[in-house]
Amino acid sequence: MGTDRYAYASRLRRMDPIAKILFSALVLGICLCCPGIVPGLVTLLLMGLLCVRWGGVPGRVFFRFLGIPLAFLLLGCLTIVIERHAPGTSVLLGIPVGGWVWGISSSGLYRGARIVSKSLGAISAMYFLALNTPMTDVTLGLRRLKVPTLMIELMDLIYRFIFVLWETAADIRTAQDSRLGYSSFRRGISSLGSLSSMVFLRAWNKADAIYSALESRGYTGSLDTLAGNYQSGKLCYMLAPAVGCAQLLCCWLEVHCFG
C-alpha cells in the first residue's frame, strides 16, 4: 500500500538504511534552516532527480505523491498570502471591506512562496527515504542508531494498524457499493457518514483482536525483525555533502545576490 509498494521495487532497496536515513535527515535539516525560496526548489529538484534517476521511481509516481501535500499547502498558504491592510497600503490585489483592505501584498506573496518551496523541499527529502526504503528497514536502521525502543515500537504498531484501518474501510465501502449506497449524491453522503462512524469502531475491535493474537504468541512489547544483507551506502555518504553544499550555495546566492 502507498509508498511501500515502490520502496520494495526501488533500485536502492538493498542499500544500508542508515545511509539513506542520515542523507535524508541532513538534506531535510539544511532545507529547513535555509531562508529564501531557491534552496527549497533546488532541494525538490535534486531529491526528485535522485528518486527518479537513481532509485528508479517513475516520475509520474513521484509527482503524484507530491501533489497530495501540495494541495494542503496551497490552501494553508491562502491565510498567509491574503492579509488585512490599512487603507492606502500598496497591495498587488485588494478588496476594501469594512474600512480595511483585504488583499495580497508583495511581502505576503513572498512569505507564502517561501513556505511552499521550503515545505516541498522538505517533503521531497522525506520521499527519498519513503520511496526507497521499506518501513521494516527504517525501523531496523533506527534501532541501529540507538533511537529509544518505545518510539520505534509505537511507530511500528501505528504503521501496522494503518492497514487494519484501510482494510476495514475498504470492506465497508464494498458492502455499501453492493447495496447501491453511492448511486446518487444524497445516498453517497449518507453512506459516507455511516462509513466514517463505523470504520473506527470496527478497526478498534479488529486491532484489539490482533493485539490479543500477538500476546498469545509471546508478544512482550517488542516486534523483532531480522536484518537483511544490505549493500554499502558509501555513495549515499558521498552525495550528502555535495547536495548540502548545493543547498547552501543557492541560499548564499539568493541572500547576497538577489536579497
Protein backbone atom coordinates (compact mmCIF):
# COMPACT_ATOMS: atom_id res chain seq x y z
CA MET A 1 0.00 0.00 0.00
CA GLY A 2 1.17 3.52 -0.74
CA THR A 3 4.91 4.15 -0.73
CA ASP A 4 5.87 0.64 0.40
CA ARG A 5 4.95 -0.83 -3.00
CA TYR A 6 7.53 1.38 -4.70
CA ALA A 7 10.09 1.06 -1.89
CA TYR A 8 10.30 -2.72 -2.39
CA ALA A 9 10.78 -2.23 -6.15
CA SER A 10 13.38 0.54 -5.78
CA ARG A 11 16.94 0.12 -7.02
CA LEU A 12 18.10 1.37 -3.61
CA ARG A 13 16.06 -1.24 -1.75
CA ARG A 14 19.17 -3.16 -0.63
CA MET A 15 21.25 -0.14 0.33
CA ASP A 16 22.07 0.27 4.03
CA PRO A 17 19.04 2.11 5.52
CA ILE A 18 21.25 4.11 7.90
CA ALA A 19 22.92 5.81 4.92
CA LYS A 20 19.53 6.78 3.46
CA ILE A 21 18.19 7.94 6.83
CA LEU A 22 21.21 10.16 7.54
CA PHE A 23 21.24 11.51 3.99
CA SER A 24 17.55 12.43 4.11
CA ALA A 25 17.91 13.94 7.59
CA LEU A 26 20.85 16.11 6.50
CA VAL A 27 19.10 17.40 3.39
CA LEU A 28 15.90 17.99 5.37
CA GLY A 29 17.70 19.91 8.11
CA ILE A 30 19.57 22.18 5.69
CA CYS A 31 16.40 22.85 3.71
CA LEU A 32 14.50 23.91 6.83
CA CYS A 33 17.34 26.11 8.09
CA CYS A 34 17.99 27.96 4.82
CA PRO A 35 15.94 31.14 4.27
CA GLY A 36 14.54 32.11 0.90
CA ILE A 37 12.78 30.34 -1.94
CA VAL A 38 15.60 28.93 -4.08
CA PRO A 39 17.05 26.39 -1.57
CA GLY A 40 13.69 24.66 -1.24
CA LEU A 41 13.22 24.48 -5.01
CA VAL A 42 16.76 23.19 -5.50
CA THR A 43 16.16 20.54 -2.82
CA LEU A 44 12.96 19.49 -4.57
CA LEU A 45 14.74 19.25 -7.92
CA LEU A 46 17.76 17.32 -6.63
CA MET A 47 15.82 14.84 -4.48
CA GLY A 48 13.29 14.32 -7.25
CA LEU A 49 16.08 13.53 -9.72
CA LEU A 50 17.70 11.14 -7.25
CA CYS A 51 14.40 9.34 -6.68
CA VAL A 52 13.66 9.01 -10.39
CA ARG A 53 17.10 8.50 -11.93
CA TRP A 54 18.89 6.70 -9.09
CA GLY A 55 16.07 4.98 -7.24
CA GLY A 56 14.09 4.09 -10.36
CA VAL A 57 10.82 5.55 -9.07
CA PRO A 58 8.59 6.57 -12.01
CA GLY A 59 8.42 10.34 -12.38
CA ARG A 60 4.63 10.36 -12.53
CA VAL A 61 4.53 8.47 -9.22
CA PHE A 62 6.82 10.98 -7.52
CA PHE A 63 4.78 13.96 -8.73
CA ARG A 64 1.52 12.20 -7.86
CA PHE A 65 2.67 11.76 -4.27
CA LEU A 66 3.92 15.35 -4.28
CA GLY A 67 0.52 16.61 -5.35
CA ILE A 68 -1.12 15.38 -2.13
CA PRO A 69 0.69 17.74 0.30
CA LEU A 70 0.82 20.48 -2.35
CA ALA A 71 -2.97 20.83 -2.26
CA PHE A 72 -2.93 21.27 1.53
CA LEU A 73 -0.01 23.70 1.30
CA LEU A 74 -1.75 25.94 -1.22
CA LEU A 75 -4.92 26.02 0.85
CA GLY A 76 -2.99 26.72 4.06
CA CYS A 77 -0.93 29.49 2.49
CA LEU A 78 -4.04 31.41 1.50
CA THR A 79 -4.34 32.63 5.10
CA ILE A 80 -0.74 33.86 4.90
CA VAL A 81 -0.88 35.46 1.47
CA ILE A 82 -4.26 37.19 1.95
CA GLU A 83 -3.87 39.78 4.71
CA ARG A 84 -5.71 42.75 6.18
CA HIS A 85 -4.09 46.10 5.33
CA ALA A 86 -4.76 49.67 6.35
CA PRO A 87 -6.35 51.95 3.75
CA GLY A 88 -3.76 53.41 1.40
CA THR A 89 -1.36 50.49 1.73
CA SER A 90 0.18 49.39 -1.54
CA VAL A 91 -1.11 45.92 -2.44
CA LEU A 92 -0.90 43.81 -5.57
CA LEU A 93 -4.56 42.86 -5.38
CA GLY A 94 -7.07 44.00 -2.80
CA ILE A 95 -10.75 44.47 -1.94
CA PRO A 96 -11.96 47.11 0.56
CA VAL A 97 -14.09 45.52 3.28
CA GLY A 98 -15.28 47.32 6.43
CA GLY A 99 -12.71 50.09 6.40
CA TRP A 100 -9.81 47.73 5.69
CA VAL A 101 -8.23 46.41 2.51
CA TRP A 102 -8.07 42.63 2.25
CA GLY A 103 -5.60 41.58 -0.38
CA ILE A 104 -2.20 40.31 -1.42
CA SER A 105 0.96 42.32 -0.87
CA SER A 106 4.42 41.62 -2.27
CA SER A 107 5.75 40.70 1.19
CA GLY A 108 2.84 38.33 1.85
CA LEU A 109 3.25 36.69 -1.55
CA TYR A 110 6.98 36.21 -0.93
CA ARG A 111 6.29 34.75 2.51
CA GLY A 112 3.78 32.28 1.10
CA ALA A 113 6.11 31.25 -1.76
CA ARG A 114 8.95 30.72 0.74
CA ILE A 115 6.80 28.45 2.92
CA VAL A 116 5.59 26.42 -0.07
CA SER A 117 9.10 25.97 -1.52
CA LYS A 118 10.64 25.06 1.82
CA SER A 119 7.84 22.60 2.59
CA LEU A 120 8.08 20.93 -0.81
CA GLY A 121 11.86 20.62 -0.43
CA ALA A 122 11.46 19.02 2.99
CA ILE A 123 8.76 16.67 1.68
CA SER A 124 10.95 15.60 -1.24
CA ALA A 125 13.75 14.73 1.20
CA MET A 126 11.36 12.51 3.15
CA TYR A 127 10.01 10.98 -0.06
CA PHE A 128 13.54 9.94 -0.99
CA LEU A 129 13.58 7.84 2.17
CA ALA A 130 9.98 6.63 1.96
CA LEU A 131 10.04 5.66 -1.73
CA ASN A 132 13.35 3.81 -1.48
CA THR A 133 13.23 2.23 1.99
CA PRO A 134 10.53 -0.15 3.29
CA MET A 135 9.22 0.55 6.77
CA THR A 136 10.85 -2.57 8.23
CA ASP A 137 14.26 -1.34 7.06
CA VAL A 138 13.58 2.12 8.51
CA THR A 139 12.83 0.67 11.95
CA LEU A 140 15.91 -1.55 11.78
CA GLY A 141 18.03 1.46 10.88
CA LEU A 142 16.58 3.46 13.77
CA ARG A 143 17.38 0.62 16.16
CA ARG A 144 20.99 0.67 14.99
CA LEU A 145 21.05 4.44 15.50
CA LYS A 146 20.04 3.88 19.16
CA VAL A 147 16.66 5.60 18.86
CA PRO A 148 14.56 4.85 22.02
CA THR A 149 12.88 1.46 21.72
CA LEU A 150 9.50 2.76 22.85
CA MET A 151 9.38 5.27 20.00
CA ILE A 152 10.28 2.60 17.44
CA GLU A 153 7.65 0.19 18.76
CA LEU A 154 4.97 2.87 18.65
CA MET A 155 5.93 3.69 15.06
CA ASP A 156 5.82 0.02 14.10
CA LEU A 157 2.44 -0.65 15.74
CA ILE A 158 0.84 2.52 14.34
CA TYR A 159 2.13 1.65 10.89
CA ARG A 160 0.72 -1.87 11.08
CA PHE A 161 -2.67 -0.64 12.30
CA ILE A 162 -2.93 1.69 9.30
CA PHE A 163 -3.50 -1.41 7.19
CA VAL A 164 -6.20 -2.59 9.59
CA LEU A 165 -8.00 0.74 9.24
CA TRP A 166 -7.58 0.71 5.47
CA GLU A 167 -8.89 -2.86 5.09
CA THR A 168 -11.88 -2.19 7.34
CA ALA A 169 -12.83 0.94 5.39
CA ALA A 170 -12.44 -0.94 2.08
CA ASP A 171 -14.71 -3.79 3.26
CA ILE A 172 -17.42 -1.36 4.41
CA ARG A 173 -17.18 0.60 1.16
CA THR A 174 -17.53 -2.61 -0.88
CA ALA A 175 -20.61 -3.63 1.11
CA GLN A 176 -22.15 -0.19 0.59
CA ASP A 177 -21.42 -0.27 -3.15
CA SER A 178 -23.10 -3.66 -3.48
CA ARG A 179 -26.26 -2.12 -1.97
CA LEU A 180 -26.13 0.93 -4.29
CA GLY A 181 -25.06 3.13 -1.41
CA TYR A 182 -23.38 5.60 -3.80
CA SER A 183 -25.94 5.58 -6.61
CA SER A 184 -26.81 9.23 -6.01
CA PHE A 185 -25.21 12.23 -4.33
CA ARG A 186 -27.62 12.16 -1.39
CA ARG A 187 -27.18 8.42 -0.80
CA GLY A 188 -23.43 8.83 -1.18
CA ILE A 189 -23.28 11.48 1.55
CA SER A 190 -25.37 9.27 3.83
CA SER A 191 -23.18 6.22 3.12
CA LEU A 192 -20.02 8.21 3.69
CA GLY A 193 -21.32 9.36 7.07
CA SER A 194 -22.15 5.77 8.04
CA LEU A 195 -18.72 4.61 6.91
CA SER A 196 -17.00 7.31 8.98
CA SER A 197 -18.95 6.38 12.10
CA MET A 198 -18.43 2.63 11.73
CA VAL A 199 -14.87 2.33 10.48
CA PHE A 200 -13.09 3.43 13.66
CA LEU A 201 -15.21 1.23 15.91
CA ARG A 202 -14.69 -1.86 13.76
CA ALA A 203 -11.00 -1.09 13.26
CA TRP A 204 -10.60 -0.71 17.04
CA ASN A 205 -12.21 -4.11 17.65
CA LYS A 206 -10.09 -5.72 14.95
CA ALA A 207 -6.91 -4.11 16.27
CA ASP A 208 -7.75 -5.37 19.76
CA ALA A 209 -8.15 -8.88 18.37
CA ILE A 210 -4.78 -8.61 16.59
CA TYR A 211 -3.12 -7.41 19.79
CA SER A 212 -4.62 -10.38 21.69
CA ALA A 213 -3.25 -12.67 18.98
CA LEU A 214 0.19 -11.11 19.40
CA GLU A 215 0.10 -11.64 23.17
CA SER A 216 -0.98 -15.26 22.74
CA ARG A 217 2.12 -15.78 20.59
CA GLY A 218 4.51 -14.39 23.18
CA TYR A 219 4.50 -10.67 22.40
CA THR A 220 6.36 -8.84 25.18
CA GLY A 221 6.38 -5.30 23.78
CA SER A 222 8.99 -5.77 21.06
CA LEU A 223 8.48 -6.74 17.42
CA ASP A 224 11.79 -8.24 16.35
CA THR A 225 12.65 -8.22 12.65
CA LEU A 226 15.58 -9.99 11.02
CA ALA A 227 18.04 -7.69 9.28
CA GLY A 228 18.73 -8.20 5.59
CA ASN A 229 22.01 -8.32 3.70
CA TYR A 230 22.43 -4.65 2.92
CA GLN A 231 24.78 -3.13 0.38
CA SER A 232 27.22 -0.41 1.31
CA GLY A 233 25.88 3.13 1.47
CA LYS A 234 29.19 4.82 0.60
CA LEU A 235 27.74 6.52 -2.47
CA CYS A 236 24.96 7.99 -0.34
CA TYR A 237 27.53 9.33 2.13
CA MET A 238 29.47 10.87 -0.76
CA LEU A 239 26.37 12.53 -2.22
CA ALA A 240 25.27 14.01 1.11
CA PRO A 241 27.93 16.78 1.30
CA ALA A 242 27.52 17.55 -2.42
CA VAL A 243 23.75 18.07 -2.09
CA GLY A 244 24.26 20.00 1.16
CA CYS A 245 26.81 22.31 -0.47
CA ALA A 246 24.45 22.92 -3.39
CA GLN A 247 21.70 23.92 -0.96
CA LEU A 248 23.97 26.27 1.00
CA LEU A 249 25.40 27.79 -2.19
CA CYS A 250 21.91 28.54 -3.52
CA CYS A 251 20.98 30.06 -0.16
CA TRP A 252 24.07 32.29 -0.18
CA LEU A 253 23.47 33.40 -3.78
CA GLU A 254 19.84 34.27 -3.09
CA VAL A 255 20.68 36.26 0.03
CA HIS A 256 23.71 38.14 -1.28
CA CYS A 257 22.92 38.47 -4.99
CA PHE A 258 19.14 38.72 -5.08
CA GLY A 259 18.35 39.63 -1.47
